Amino acid sequence: MWPSHCKTFYCSEMKRAYTNPISSVNYQDYETLVRLAWTEDCPEEDITSVSLFSPDKQAVANLNSREQGILCGIGVLEVLNHLTGDTIQTEFYKKDGEFFQKGETLLKIQGSLVSILRVERILLNFLQYLSGISTRTYEVVQKYGQEGLMILDTRKTLPGYRKLSKYAVYCGGGSNHRLNLSEMAMIKDNHLALYSSSHEPVYKIQTRFPGRLIEVEIDELSQLEDAITSGADVILLDNFSLEDSQKAYSILKQKAPNMQIEFSGGITPERLEVLSKFSGAGVSMGYLTHTTRFLDLGLDIE
């Protein structure tokens, strides 16, 4: 379901993060990646453009959408402008998190033609990738988030792109799971393999890092009672069958109504249809970031 007019997506009621939402990013969040892309794309000179155009040749280019979506990633232009020696200027018609229709102009760049051509592919790579994540997230949240599910991202992101990818999820209306291993504790099966119960690991983390959220992952219904009494804040039901999910959800609502419930394990939009009955639960989806495609955007010289 797409809006009939341009708007920014806001989630007014539902919680948007377990810890700190990635609701904004800054110059430094883009800089390292953009500098790597800059060197990778043109280690010496753009031999085509410098051969065809003089350095003082000016031009105007428009970023046009070739399909509808949710915009994300315009902060990349601040770094690119700096790398060109401030030889380009940008006028934005849309902001991150705003919906656009097919055929809309999203921003205008003017200045040195050689510089515009130099930044074109880097600009598109960032905007198409991040807008692809935002758009995919928006589609999922619009259909299933309204059913009461908290649609969460994961740490399954391209190396170096973690914060930007999670920002893109947030721009699409999704919610953020932990950003990194330092932000929140998550006791997984590989941790529990060395313990007979989740109680001792939870206690050790609470003692060493008081105040940090703790999540316990279980993959069998038989582990549920132990997890409930462990003192954890979140219980993750990993790869549970529908029948066991229903049983675990009912037990948790009765015995630990304030404990956050989360589902995970290869969850796609099709599986969300089944999970939508578990109102208030979180659903972590690597799908949001590791199966995304580039949105179709193009930079056109006037």
C-alpha atoms as a PDB file:
ATOM      1  CA  MET A   1       0.000   0.000   0.000  1.00  0.00           C
ATOM      2  CA  TRP A   2       1.594   3.225  -1.180  1.00  0.00           C
ATOM      3  CA  PRO A   3       0.520   6.732  -0.208  1.00  0.00           C
ATOM      4  CA  SER A   4      -1.286   8.740  -2.856  1.00  0.00           C
ATOM      5  CA  HIS A   5       0.900  11.778  -2.206  1.00  0.00           C
ATOM      6  CA  CYS A   6       4.456  12.533  -1.099  1.00  0.00           C
ATOM      7  CA  LYS A   7       4.994  12.341   2.634  1.00  0.00           C
ATOM      8  CA  THR A   8       7.500  11.421   5.281  1.00  0.00           C
ATOM      9  CA  PHE A   9       6.769   8.109   7.002  1.00  0.00           C
ATOM     10  CA  TYR A  10       6.284   8.464  10.729  1.00  0.00           C
ATOM     11  CA  CYS A  11       5.559   5.694  13.203  1.00  0.00           C
ATOM     12  CA  SER A  12       3.692   7.390  16.033  1.00  0.00           C
ATOM     13  CA  GLU A  13       2.750   4.569  18.395  1.00  0.00           C
ATOM     14  CA  MET A  14       5.022   1.578  17.999  1.00  0.00           C
ATOM     15  CA  LYS A  15       8.427   1.363  19.647  1.00  0.00           C
ATOM     16  CA  ARG A  16      11.164   1.911  17.064  1.00  0.00           C
ATOM     17  CA  ALA A  17      14.259   0.419  18.730  1.00  0.00           C
ATOM     18  CA  TYR A  18      15.423  -1.934  21.462  1.00  0.00           C
ATOM     19  CA  THR A  19      18.171   0.494  22.519  1.00  0.00           C
ATOM     20  CA  ASN A  20      18.948   3.676  20.573  1.00  0.00           C
ATOM     21  CA  PRO A  21      17.117   4.257  17.270  1.00  0.00           C
ATOM     22  CA  ILE A  22      19.291   5.103  14.278  1.00  0.00           C
ATOM     23  CA  SER A  23      17.046   8.029  13.429  1.00  0.00           C
ATOM     24  CA  SER A  24      19.837  10.220  12.016  1.00  0.00           C
ATOM     25  CA  VAL A  25      23.358   9.958  10.627  1.00  0.00           C
ATOM     26  CA  ASN A  26      26.091  12.543  10.113  1.00  0.00           C
ATOM     27  CA  TYR A  27      29.058  13.390   7.909  1.00  0.00           C
ATOM     28  CA  GLN A  28      31.381  11.001   9.741  1.00  0.00           C
ATOM     29  CA  ASP A  29      28.993   8.090   9.244  1.00  0.00           C
ATOM     30  CA  TYR A  30      29.374   8.468   5.478  1.00  0.00           C
ATOM     31  CA  GLU A  31      32.935   9.727   5.208  1.00  0.00           C
ATOM     32  CA  THR A  32      35.026   6.551   5.476  1.00  0.00           C
ATOM     33  CA  LEU A  33      32.891   4.612   3.009  1.00  0.00           C
ATOM     34  CA  VAL A  34      32.648   7.488   0.542  1.00  0.00           C
ATOM     35  CA  ARG A  35      36.412   8.056   0.598  1.00  0.00           C
ATOM     36  CA  LEU A  36      36.982   4.358  -0.092  1.00  0.00           C
ATOM     37  CA  ALA A  37      34.497   4.498  -2.964  1.00  0.00           C
ATOM     38  CA  TRP A  38      36.139   7.668  -4.292  1.00  0.00           C
ATOM     39  CA  THR A  39      39.574   6.041  -4.510  1.00  0.00           C
ATOM     40  CA  GLU A  40      38.199   2.763  -5.788  1.00  0.00           C
ATOM     41  CA  ASP A  41      36.242   4.392  -8.609  1.00  0.00           C
ATOM     42  CA  CYS A  42      38.949   6.746  -9.832  1.00  0.00           C
ATOM     43  CA  PRO A  43      42.454   6.118  -8.453  1.00  0.00           C
ATOM     44  CA  GLU A  44      43.999   8.676 -10.845  1.00  0.00           C
ATOM     45  CA  GLU A  45      41.751  10.579 -13.282  1.00  0.00           C
ATOM     46  CA  ASP A  46      38.462  10.095 -15.072  1.00  0.00           C
ATOM     47  CA  ILE A  47      40.202   9.688 -18.395  1.00  0.00           C
ATOM     48  CA  THR A  48      36.973   9.956 -20.386  1.00  0.00           C
ATOM     49  CA  SER A  49      35.664  13.186 -18.883  1.00  0.00           C
ATOM     50  CA  VAL A  50      38.962  15.078 -18.628  1.00  0.00           C
ATOM     51  CA  SER A  51      39.646  14.281 -22.285  1.00  0.00           C
ATOM     52  CA  LEU A  52      36.260  15.513 -23.487  1.00  0.00           C
ATOM     53  CA  PHE A  53      35.560  18.584 -21.309  1.00  0.00           C
ATOM     54  CA  SER A  54      37.485  21.569 -20.029  1.00  0.00           C
ATOM     55  CA  PRO A  55      37.770  22.031 -16.242  1.00  0.00           C
ATOM     56  CA  ASP A  56      35.619  25.195 -16.355  1.00  0.00           C
ATOM     57  CA  LYS A  57      32.725  23.588 -18.249  1.00  0.00           C
ATOM     58  CA  GLN A  58      29.539  23.990 -16.153  1.00  0.00           C
ATOM     59  CA  ALA A  59      26.419  21.811 -16.177  1.00  0.00           C
ATOM     60  CA  VAL A  60      23.198  20.933 -14.375  1.00  0.00           C
ATOM     61  CA  ALA A  61      22.091  17.360 -13.597  1.00  0.00           C
ATOM     62  CA  ASN A  62      18.878  16.015 -12.088  1.00  0.00           C
ATOM     63  CA  LEU A  63      18.450  12.878 -10.002  1.00  0.00           C
ATOM     64  CA  ASN A  64      15.280  11.308 -11.386  1.00  0.00           C
ATOM     65  CA  SER A  65      13.288   8.357 -10.067  1.00  0.00           C
ATOM     66  CA  ARG A  66      12.399   5.557 -12.454  1.00  0.00           C
ATOM     67  CA  GLU A  67      10.189   3.814  -9.915  1.00  0.00           C
ATOM     68  CA  GLN A  68       8.443   4.819  -6.701  1.00  0.00           C
ATOM     69  CA  GLY A  69      10.098   4.442  -3.343  1.00  0.00           C
ATOM     70  CA  ILE A  70      11.346   5.924  -0.072  1.00  0.00           C
ATOM     71  CA  LEU A  71      14.449   8.115  -0.310  1.00  0.00           C
ATOM     72  CA  CYS A  72      17.514   7.494   1.848  1.00  0.00           C
ATOM     73  CA  GLY A  73      21.161   8.504   1.665  1.00  0.00           C
ATOM     74  CA  ILE A  74      21.289  12.162   0.633  1.00  0.00           C
ATOM     75  CA  GLY A  75      23.981  12.832   3.236  1.00  0.00           C
ATOM     76  CA  VAL A  76      26.488  11.246   0.857  1.00  0.00           C
ATOM     77  CA  LEU A  77      26.451  14.457  -1.171  1.00  0.00           C
ATOM     78  CA  GLU A  78      28.066  16.510   1.588  1.00  0.00           C
ATOM     79  CA  VAL A  79      31.127  14.264   1.519  1.00  0.00           C
ATOM     80  CA  LEU A  80      31.216  14.110  -2.282  1.00  0.00           C
ATOM     81  CA  ASN A  81      31.010  17.882  -2.542  1.00  0.00           C
ATOM     82  CA  HIS A  82      33.951  18.186  -0.166  1.00  0.00           C
ATOM     83  CA  LEU A  83      35.992  15.677  -2.183  1.00  0.00           C
ATOM     84  CA  THR A  84      35.393  17.627  -5.403  1.00  0.00           C
ATOM     85  CA  GLY A  85      36.786  20.769  -3.782  1.00  0.00           C
ATOM     86  CA  ASP A  86      33.311  22.301  -3.423  1.00  0.00           C
ATOM     87  CA  THR A  87      32.891  22.515  -7.194  1.00  0.00           C
ATOM     88  CA  ILE A  88      29.272  21.295  -7.125  1.00  0.00           C
ATOM     89  CA  GLN A  89      26.154  22.561  -5.350  1.00  0.00           C
ATOM     90  CA  THR A  90      23.031  20.568  -4.599  1.00  0.00           C
ATOM     91  CA  GLU A  91      19.382  21.556  -4.316  1.00  0.00           C
ATOM     92  CA  PHE A  92      17.226  18.943  -2.602  1.00  0.00           C
ATOM     93  CA  TYR A  93      13.559  18.445  -3.467  1.00  0.00           C
ATOM     94  CA  LYS A  94      13.114  15.470  -1.121  1.00  0.00           C
ATOM     95  CA  LYS A  95      14.432  14.474   2.290  1.00  0.00           C
ATOM     96  CA  ASP A  96      15.440  11.107   3.672  1.00  0.00           C
ATOM     97  CA  GLY A  97      12.338   9.140   4.612  1.00  0.00           C
ATOM     98  CA  GLU A  98      10.081  10.837   2.054  1.00  0.00           C
ATOM     99  CA  PHE A  99       8.025   8.972  -0.497  1.00  0.00           C
ATOM    100  CA  PHE A 100       8.472   9.723  -4.212  1.00  0.00           C
ATOM    101  CA  GLN A 101       6.612   8.715  -7.332  1.00  0.00           C
ATOM    102  CA  LYS A 102       8.084   7.304 -10.516  1.00  0.00           C
ATOM    103  CA  GLY A 103       9.320  10.160 -12.723  1.00  0.00           C
ATOM    104  CA  GLU A 104       9.920  12.679  -9.926  1.00  0.00           C
ATOM    105  CA  THR A 105      13.079  14.780  -9.697  1.00  0.00           C
ATOM    106  CA  LEU A 106      14.598  14.248  -6.259  1.00  0.00           C
ATOM    107  CA  LEU A 107      17.518  16.690  -6.366  1.00  0.00           C
ATOM    108  CA  LYS A 108      19.509  18.937  -8.676  1.00  0.00           C
ATOM    109  CA  ILE A 109      23.299  19.201  -8.919  1.00  0.00           C
ATOM    110  CA  GLN A 110      25.021  22.079 -10.657  1.00  0.00           C
ATOM    111  CA  GLY A 111      28.635  23.058 -11.092  1.00  0.00           C
ATOM    112  CA  SER A 112      31.688  21.549 -12.777  1.00  0.00           C
ATOM    113  CA  LEU A 113      30.653  19.011 -15.403  1.00  0.00           C
ATOM    114  CA  VAL A 114      33.800  16.967 -14.787  1.00  0.00           C
ATOM    115  CA  SER A 115      32.990  16.846 -11.058  1.00  0.00           C
ATOM    116  CA  ILE A 116      29.361  15.857 -11.678  1.00  0.00           C
ATOM    117  CA  LEU A 117      30.480  12.982 -13.875  1.00  0.00           C
ATOM    118  CA  ARG A 118      33.137  12.050 -11.307  1.00  0.00           C
ATOM    119  CA  VAL A 119      30.580  11.631  -8.484  1.00  0.00           C
ATOM    120  CA  GLU A 120      27.739  10.122 -10.540  1.00  0.00           C
ATOM    121  CA  ARG A 121      28.289   6.420  -9.908  1.00  0.00           C
ATOM    122  CA  ILE A 122      29.263   6.797  -6.248  1.00  0.00           C
ATOM    123  CA  LEU A 123      26.194   8.946  -5.601  1.00  0.00           C
ATOM    124  CA  LEU A 124      23.885   6.481  -7.326  1.00  0.00           C
ATOM    125  CA  ASN A 125      25.396   3.452  -5.588  1.00  0.00           C
ATOM    126  CA  PHE A 126      24.705   4.901  -2.151  1.00  0.00           C
ATOM    127  CA  LEU A 127      21.266   6.308  -2.931  1.00  0.00           C
ATOM    128  CA  GLN A 128      20.039   3.259  -4.840  1.00  0.00           C
ATOM    129  CA  TYR A 129      21.239   0.823  -2.170  1.00  0.00           C
ATOM    130  CA  LEU A 130      19.970   2.719   0.883  1.00  0.00           C
ATOM    131  CA  SER A 131      16.708   3.748  -0.787  1.00  0.00           C
ATOM    132  CA  GLY A 132      16.224   0.100  -1.743  1.00  0.00           C
ATOM    133  CA  ILE A 133      16.407  -0.880   1.930  1.00  0.00           C
ATOM    134  CA  SER A 134      14.048   1.924   2.963  1.00  0.00           C
ATOM    135  CA  THR A 135      11.551   1.015   0.272  1.00  0.00           C
ATOM    136  CA  ARG A 136      11.594  -2.708   1.069  1.00  0.00           C
ATOM    137  CA  THR A 137      11.165  -1.931   4.767  1.00  0.00           C
ATOM    138  CA  TYR A 138       8.297   0.472   4.081  1.00  0.00           C
ATOM    139  CA  GLU A 139       6.436  -2.179   2.102  1.00  0.00           C
ATOM    140  CA  VAL A 140       6.795  -4.730   4.906  1.00  0.00           C
ATOM    141  CA  VAL A 141       5.904  -2.301   7.716  1.00  0.00           C
ATOM    142  CA  GLN A 142       2.866  -0.937   5.898  1.00  0.00           C
ATOM    143  CA  LYS A 143       1.422  -4.416   5.539  1.00  0.00           C
ATOM    144  CA  TYR A 144       2.426  -6.092   8.791  1.00  0.00           C
ATOM    145  CA  GLY A 145       3.538  -3.352  11.178  1.00  0.00           C
ATOM    146  CA  GLN A 146      -0.052  -2.149  11.223  1.00  0.00           C
ATOM    147  CA  GLU A 147      -0.956  -5.589  12.564  1.00  0.00           C
ATOM    148  CA  GLY A 148       1.019  -4.774  15.715  1.00  0.00           C
ATOM    149  CA  LEU A 149       4.366  -6.377  14.916  1.00  0.00           C
ATOM    150  CA  MET A 150       7.643  -4.545  15.532  1.00  0.00           C
ATOM    151  CA  ILE A 151       9.654  -5.112  12.343  1.00  0.00           C
ATOM    152  CA  LEU A 152      13.325  -5.245  13.380  1.00  0.00           C
ATOM    153  CA  ASP A 153      16.567  -5.255  11.434  1.00  0.00           C
ATOM    154  CA  THR A 154      19.589  -7.439  12.283  1.00  0.00           C
ATOM    155  CA  ARG A 155      23.399  -7.298  12.180  1.00  0.00           C
ATOM    156  CA  LYS A 156      23.327  -9.057   8.803  1.00  0.00           C
ATOM    157  CA  THR A 157      24.650  -6.035   6.927  1.00  0.00           C
ATOM    158  CA  LEU A 158      27.501  -5.355   4.515  1.00  0.00           C
ATOM    159  CA  PRO A 159      30.718  -4.712   6.477  1.00  0.00           C
ATOM    160  CA  GLY A 160      31.090  -0.984   7.100  1.00  0.00           C
ATOM    161  CA  TYR A 161      27.480  -0.213   6.146  1.00  0.00           C
ATOM    162  CA  ARG A 162      25.918  -1.243   9.484  1.00  0.00           C
ATOM    163  CA  LYS A 163      24.811   2.176  10.718  1.00  0.00           C
ATOM    164  CA  LEU A 164      23.716   3.438   7.297  1.00  0.00           C
ATOM    165  CA  SER A 165      21.723   0.252   6.631  1.00  0.00           C
ATOM    166  CA  LYS A 166      19.950   0.499   9.968  1.00  0.00           C
ATOM    167  CA  TYR A 167      19.285   4.178   9.314  1.00  0.00           C
ATOM    168  CA  ALA A 168      17.683   3.153   6.010  1.00  0.00           C
ATOM    169  CA  VAL A 169      15.473   0.655   7.859  1.00  0.00           C
ATOM    170  CA  TYR A 170      14.403   3.419  10.228  1.00  0.00           C
ATOM    171  CA  CYS A 171      13.673   5.783   7.308  1.00  0.00           C
ATOM    172  CA  GLY A 172      11.365   3.100   5.915  1.00  0.00           C
ATOM    173  CA  GLY A 173       9.408   2.899   9.160  1.00  0.00           C
ATOM    174  CA  GLY A 174      11.173  -0.155  10.589  1.00  0.00           C
ATOM    175  CA  SER A 175      12.671  -0.622  14.038  1.00  0.00           C
ATOM    176  CA  ASN A 176      16.300  -1.077  15.025  1.00  0.00           C
ATOM    177  CA  HIS A 177      17.693  -4.056  16.901  1.00  0.00           C
ATOM    178  CA  ARG A 178      21.081  -3.605  18.606  1.00  0.00           C
ATOM    179  CA  LEU A 179      23.655  -1.740  16.526  1.00  0.00           C
ATOM    180  CA  ASN A 180      26.597  -3.800  17.717  1.00  0.00           C
ATOM    181  CA  LEU A 181      27.804  -6.347  20.259  1.00  0.00           C
ATOM    182  CA  SER A 182      28.603  -3.626  22.818  1.00  0.00           C
ATOM    183  CA  GLU A 183      25.164  -2.032  22.905  1.00  0.00           C
ATOM    184  CA  MET A 184      23.060  -4.920  24.157  1.00  0.00           C
ATOM    185  CA  ALA A 185      23.708  -8.480  25.356  1.00  0.00           C
ATOM    186  CA  MET A 186      22.290 -11.414  23.433  1.00  0.00           C
ATOM    187  CA  ILE A 187      22.804 -14.917  24.812  1.00  0.00           C
ATOM    188  CA  LYS A 188      22.642 -17.232  21.825  1.00  0.00           C
ATOM    189  CA  ASP A 189      22.790 -20.998  21.408  1.00  0.00           C
ATOM    190  CA  ASN A 190      26.582 -20.957  21.112  1.00  0.00           C
ATOM    191  CA  HIS A 191      26.777 -19.259  24.508  1.00  0.00           C
ATOM    192  CA  LEU A 192      24.242 -21.562  26.147  1.00  0.00           C
ATOM    193  CA  ALA A 193      26.056 -24.625  24.832  1.00  0.00           C
ATOM    194  CA  LEU A 194      28.523 -24.138  27.691  1.00  0.00           C
ATOM    195  CA  TYR A 195      25.869 -23.629  30.389  1.00  0.00           C
ATOM    196  CA  SER A 196      23.082 -25.830  31.742  1.00  0.00           C
ATOM    197  CA  SER A 197      20.761 -22.834  32.219  1.00  0.00           C
ATOM    198  CA  SER A 198      20.411 -19.221  31.083  1.00  0.00           C
ATOM    199  CA  HIS A 199      20.324 -17.988  34.697  1.00  0.00           C
ATOM    200  CA  GLU A 200      24.087 -17.859  35.246  1.00  0.00           C
ATOM    201  CA  PRO A 201      24.907 -16.068  31.947  1.00  0.00           C
ATOM    202  CA  VAL A 202      22.191 -13.472  32.613  1.00  0.00           C
ATOM    203  CA  TYR A 203      23.476 -12.899  36.142  1.00  0.00           C
ATOM    204  CA  LYS A 204      27.074 -12.529  34.978  1.00  0.00           C
ATOM    205  CA  ILE A 205      26.133  -9.923  32.378  1.00  0.00           C
ATOM    206  CA  GLN A 206      23.910  -8.017  34.813  1.00  0.00           C
ATOM    207  CA  THR A 207      26.778  -7.940  37.304  1.00  0.00           C
ATOM    208  CA  ARG A 208      29.410  -6.761  34.842  1.00  0.00           C
ATOM    209  CA  PHE A 209      27.217  -4.458  32.742  1.00  0.00           C
ATOM    210  CA  PRO A 210      24.310  -3.305  34.933  1.00  0.00           C
ATOM    211  CA  GLY A 211      21.501  -1.593  33.089  1.00  0.00           C
ATOM    212  CA  ARG A 212      22.195  -3.175  29.706  1.00  0.00           C
ATOM    213  CA  LEU A 213      19.339  -4.984  27.986  1.00  0.00           C
ATOM    214  CA  ILE A 214      19.742  -8.753  27.875  1.00  0.00           C
ATOM    215  CA  GLU A 215      18.127 -11.068  25.337  1.00  0.00           C
ATOM    216  CA  VAL A 216      18.045 -14.861  25.581  1.00  0.00           C
ATOM    217  CA  GLU A 217      17.632 -16.958  22.449  1.00  0.00           C
ATOM    218  CA  ILE A 218      15.896 -20.330  22.688  1.00  0.00           C
ATOM    219  CA  ASP A 219      15.183 -22.836  19.949  1.00  0.00           C
ATOM    220  CA  GLU A 220      12.991 -25.312  21.859  1.00  0.00           C
ATOM    221  CA  LEU A 221       9.812 -24.910  23.869  1.00  0.00           C
ATOM    222  CA  SER A 222      11.434 -26.864  26.709  1.00  0.00           C
ATOM    223  CA  GLN A 223      13.840 -23.931  27.289  1.00  0.00           C
ATOM    224  CA  LEU A 224      11.075 -21.382  27.767  1.00  0.00           C
ATOM    225  CA  GLU A 225      10.474 -21.719  31.515  1.00  0.00           C
ATOM    226  CA  ASP A 226      14.185 -21.361  32.259  1.00  0.00           C
ATOM    227  CA  ALA A 227      14.409 -18.252  30.052  1.00  0.00           C
ATOM    228  CA  ILE A 228      11.359 -16.649  31.692  1.00  0.00           C
ATOM    229  CA  THR A 229      12.864 -16.947  35.162  1.00  0.00           C
ATOM    230  CA  SER A 230      16.391 -15.933  34.095  1.00  0.00           C
ATOM    231  CA  GLY A 231      15.841 -12.192  34.516  1.00  0.00           C
ATOM    232  CA  ALA A 232      16.336 -11.408  30.821  1.00  0.00           C
ATOM    233  CA  ASP A 233      14.489  -8.514  29.159  1.00  0.00           C
ATOM    234  CA  VAL A 234      13.778 -10.178  25.793  1.00  0.00           C
ATOM    235  CA  ILE A 235      13.145 -13.786  24.808  1.00  0.00           C
ATOM    236  CA  LEU A 236      13.927 -14.716  21.221  1.00  0.00           C
ATOM    237  CA  LEU A 237      12.053 -17.680  19.755  1.00  0.00           C
ATOM    238  CA  ASP A 238      14.339 -18.913  16.988  1.00  0.00           C
ATOM    239  CA  ASN A 239      12.920 -21.052  14.182  1.00  0.00           C
ATOM    240  CA  PHE A 240       9.856 -22.054  16.218  1.00  0.00           C
ATOM    241  CA  SER A 241       7.027 -23.863  14.461  1.00  0.00           C
ATOM    242  CA  LEU A 242       3.679 -22.087  14.352  1.00  0.00           C
ATOM    243  CA  GLU A 243       2.271 -24.488  16.946  1.00  0.00           C
ATOM    244  CA  ASP A 244       5.170 -23.906  19.359  1.00  0.00           C
ATOM    245  CA  SER A 245       5.078 -20.170  18.685  1.00  0.00           C
ATOM    246  CA  GLN A 246       1.430 -20.056  19.752  1.00  0.00           C
ATOM    247  CA  LYS A 247       2.156 -22.045  22.922  1.00  0.00           C
ATOM    248  CA  ALA A 248       5.190 -19.900  23.833  1.00  0.00           C
ATOM    249  CA  TYR A 249       3.323 -16.656  23.149  1.00  0.00           C
ATOM    250  CA  SER A 250       0.396 -17.711  25.388  1.00  0.00           C
ATOM    251  CA  ILE A 251       2.715 -18.785  28.208  1.00  0.00           C
ATOM    252  CA  LEU A 252       4.727 -15.564  28.034  1.00  0.00           C
ATOM    253  CA  LYS A 253       1.626 -13.382  28.055  1.00  0.00           C
ATOM    254  CA  GLN A 254       0.411 -15.183  31.181  1.00  0.00           C
ATOM    255  CA  LYS A 255       3.647 -15.547  33.140  1.00  0.00           C
ATOM    256  CA  ALA A 256       5.746 -12.596  31.930  1.00  0.00           C
ATOM    257  CA  PRO A 257       3.470 -10.009  30.297  1.00  0.00           C
ATOM    258  CA  ASN A 258       6.156  -7.293  30.439  1.00  0.00           C
ATOM    259  CA  MET A 259       8.819  -9.394  28.747  1.00  0.00           C
ATOM    260  CA  GLN A 260       9.484  -8.556  25.106  1.00  0.00           C
ATOM    261  CA  ILE A 261       8.915 -11.454  22.711  1.00  0.00           C
ATOM    262  CA  GLU A 262      10.855 -11.742  19.475  1.00  0.00           C
ATOM    263  CA  PHE A 263      10.649 -14.159  16.546  1.00  0.00           C
ATOM    264  CA  SER A 264      13.508 -14.895  14.153  1.00  0.00           C
ATOM    265  CA  GLY A 265      14.821 -17.455  11.718  1.00  0.00           C
ATOM    266  CA  GLY A 266      14.643 -16.936   7.956  1.00  0.00           C
ATOM    267  CA  ILE A 267      11.563 -14.753   8.190  1.00  0.00           C
ATOM    268  CA  THR A 268      10.230 -13.423   4.894  1.00  0.00           C
ATOM    269  CA  PRO A 269       7.105 -11.308   4.229  1.00  0.00           C
ATOM    270  CA  GLU A 270       5.205 -14.507   3.518  1.00  0.00           C
ATOM    271  CA  ARG A 271       5.911 -15.824   7.036  1.00  0.00           C
ATOM    272  CA  LEU A 272       4.863 -12.502   8.554  1.00  0.00           C
ATOM    273  CA  GLU A 273       1.301 -13.264   7.511  1.00  0.00           C
ATOM    274  CA  VAL A 274       1.290 -16.106  10.026  1.00  0.00           C
ATOM    275  CA  LEU A 275       3.106 -14.160  12.751  1.00  0.00           C
ATOM    276  CA  SER A 276       0.850 -11.109  12.484  1.00  0.00           C
ATOM    277  CA  LYS A 277      -1.510 -12.650  15.068  1.00  0.00           C
ATOM    278  CA  PHE A 278       1.147 -12.179  17.794  1.00  0.00           C
ATOM    279  CA  SER A 279       0.489  -8.509  18.483  1.00  0.00           C
ATOM    280  CA  GLY A 280       3.294  -6.599  20.191  1.00  0.00           C
ATOM    281  CA  ALA A 281       5.991  -9.122  19.286  1.00  0.00           C
ATOM    282  CA  GLY A 282       9.208  -8.179  17.566  1.00  0.00           C
ATOM    283  CA  VAL A 283      10.237  -9.880  14.347  1.00  0.00           C
ATOM    284  CA  SER A 284      13.898  -9.656  13.359  1.00  0.00           C
ATOM    285  CA  MET A 285      14.438  -9.842   9.596  1.00  0.00           C
ATOM    286  CA  GLY A 286      17.835 -10.091   7.963  1.00  0.00           C
ATOM    287  CA  TYR A 287      15.725 -10.026   4.807  1.00  0.00           C
ATOM    288  CA  LEU A 288      15.421  -6.230   5.097  1.00  0.00           C
ATOM    289  CA  THR A 289      19.122  -5.648   4.447  1.00  0.00           C
ATOM    290  CA  HIS A 290      20.644  -8.752   2.891  1.00  0.00           C
ATOM    291  CA  THR A 291      18.124  -9.352   0.105  1.00  0.00           C
ATOM    292  CA  THR A 292      17.567  -5.758  -0.952  1.00  0.00           C
ATOM    293  CA  ARG A 293      17.990  -4.577  -4.522  1.00  0.00           C
ATOM    294  CA  PHE A 294      19.116  -1.222  -5.884  1.00  0.00           C
ATOM    295  CA  LEU A 295      16.196   1.119  -6.488  1.00  0.00           C
ATOM    296  CA  ASP A 296      16.081   2.433 -10.053  1.00  0.00           C
ATOM    297  CA  LEU A 297      17.345   6.031  -9.951  1.00  0.00           C
ATOM    298  CA  GLY A 298      19.239   7.939 -12.633  1.00  0.00           C
ATOM    299  CA  LEU A 299      21.348  11.094 -12.845  1.00  0.00           C
ATOM    300  CA  ASP A 300      20.562  12.959 -16.062  1.00  0.00           C
ATOM    301  CA  ILE A 301      22.497  15.930 -17.454  1.00  0.00           C
ATOM    302  CA  GLU A 302      20.157  18.691 -18.622  1.00  0.00           C
END
